[in-house]
C-alpha cells in the first residue's frame, strides 16, 4: 500500500500534466499551427481543382476555425450555465 506522500506525489504529477495539456489546448501556438496547416492544405486542394486565387480563398476555412475557437469559450460558459454547472 503506497504511503500518503507517494499518493500525493502521483496526484501532483497528474495535475501538472493535466494543466500542461489544458495550456496546450488553449495556446495560440496550437491555434496558429492548425491555421497554418489548414491554409496550406486548402491552397493545395484549390490549386488541384484549378481554382483561381486559391491563396485568397484558402483564408475562408482558416477564418472559420479562428472564429470558432474565439467563440467556443463563451458558448461553453453558456452551456454550463444552462446545465446548472456554474452560477450566472
Protein backbone atom coordinates (compact mmCIF):
# COMPACT_ATOMS: atom_id res chain seq x y z
CA UNK A 1 0.00 0.00 0.00
CA UNK A 2 1.54 3.33 -1.05
CA UNK A 3 2.02 5.96 1.59
CA UNK A 4 0.04 9.17 1.65
CA UNK A 5 3.12 11.07 0.46
CA UNK A 6 3.52 8.74 -2.53
CA UNK A 7 -0.16 9.04 -3.41
CA UNK A 8 0.04 12.82 -3.11
CA UNK A 9 3.11 12.93 -5.37
CA UNK A 10 1.26 10.89 -8.02
CA UNK A 11 -1.73 13.26 -7.83
CA UNK A 12 0.52 16.33 -8.11
CA UNK A 13 2.27 14.84 -11.17
CA UNK A 14 -1.10 14.13 -12.77
CA UNK A 15 -2.32 17.66 -12.04
CA UNK A 16 0.82 19.15 -13.60
CA UNK A 17 0.31 17.01 -16.71
CA UNK A 18 -3.37 18.00 -16.97
CA UNK A 19 -2.51 21.70 -16.57
CA UNK A 20 0.10 21.38 -19.32
CA UNK A 21 -2.40 19.66 -21.62
CA UNK A 22 -5.00 22.36 -20.97
CA UNK A 23 -2.42 25.07 -21.60
CA UNK A 24 -1.55 23.48 -24.94
CA UNK A 25 -5.22 23.11 -25.93
CA UNK A 26 -5.85 26.83 -25.42
CA UNK A 27 -2.50 28.14 -26.68
CA UNK A 28 -2.09 30.44 -29.65
CA UNK A 29 0.85 28.30 -30.81
CA UNK A 30 -1.51 25.34 -31.29
CA UNK A 31 -4.14 27.52 -32.97
CA UNK A 32 -1.50 29.02 -35.26
CA UNK A 33 -0.21 25.59 -36.28
CA UNK A 34 -3.71 24.36 -37.06
CA UNK A 35 -4.47 27.52 -39.02
CA UNK A 36 -1.21 27.22 -40.96
CA UNK A 37 -1.74 23.56 -41.81
CA UNK A 38 -5.36 24.25 -42.80
CA UNK A 39 -4.28 27.13 -45.03
CA UNK A 40 -1.61 25.11 -46.82
CA UNK A 41 -3.97 22.15 -47.34
CA UNK A 42 -6.72 24.43 -48.66
CA UNK A 43 -4.31 26.09 -51.11
CA UNK A 44 -3.13 22.70 -52.37
CA UNK A 45 -6.68 21.43 -52.80
CA UNK A 46 -7.88 24.60 -54.53
CA UNK A 47 -4.88 24.52 -56.86
CA UNK A 48 -5.55 20.87 -57.72
CA UNK A 49 -9.14 21.83 -58.51
CA UNK A 50 -7.86 24.64 -60.74
CA UNK A 51 -9.35 27.46 -58.69
CA UNK A 52 -8.05 30.94 -59.50
CA UNK A 53 -6.90 32.94 -56.46
CA UNK A 54 -6.50 29.87 -54.27
CA UNK A 55 -4.28 31.73 -51.82
CA UNK A 56 -7.08 34.24 -51.18
CA UNK A 57 -9.93 31.74 -50.95
CA UNK A 58 -7.95 29.45 -48.65
CA UNK A 59 -8.40 32.02 -45.89
CA UNK A 60 -12.10 31.12 -45.57
CA UNK A 61 -11.64 27.84 -43.63
CA UNK A 62 -8.83 29.40 -41.61
CA UNK A 63 -11.01 32.31 -40.54
CA UNK A 64 -13.86 29.92 -39.76
CA UNK A 65 -11.57 27.95 -37.48
CA UNK A 66 -10.29 31.10 -35.79
CA UNK A 67 -13.78 32.46 -35.18
CA UNK A 68 -14.94 29.12 -33.79
CA UNK A 69 -12.04 28.98 -31.31
CA UNK A 70 -12.72 32.54 -30.20
CA UNK A 71 -16.43 31.91 -29.65
CA UNK A 72 -16.23 28.47 -28.04
CA UNK A 73 -15.29 29.66 -24.52
CA UNK A 74 -18.42 31.83 -24.40
CA UNK A 75 -20.58 29.01 -25.81
CA UNK A 76 -19.12 26.64 -23.20
CA UNK A 77 -19.88 29.11 -20.41
CA UNK A 78 -23.48 29.46 -21.58
CA UNK A 79 -23.87 25.70 -21.88
CA UNK A 80 -22.52 25.15 -18.38
CA UNK A 81 -24.92 27.77 -17.04
CA UNK A 82 -27.81 26.04 -18.78
CA UNK A 83 -26.74 22.70 -17.31
CA UNK A 84 -26.58 24.21 -13.82
CA UNK A 85 -22.84 23.50 -13.55
CA UNK A 86 -21.90 27.10 -12.78
CA UNK A 87 -23.73 30.11 -11.48
CA UNK A 88 -24.65 33.05 -13.69
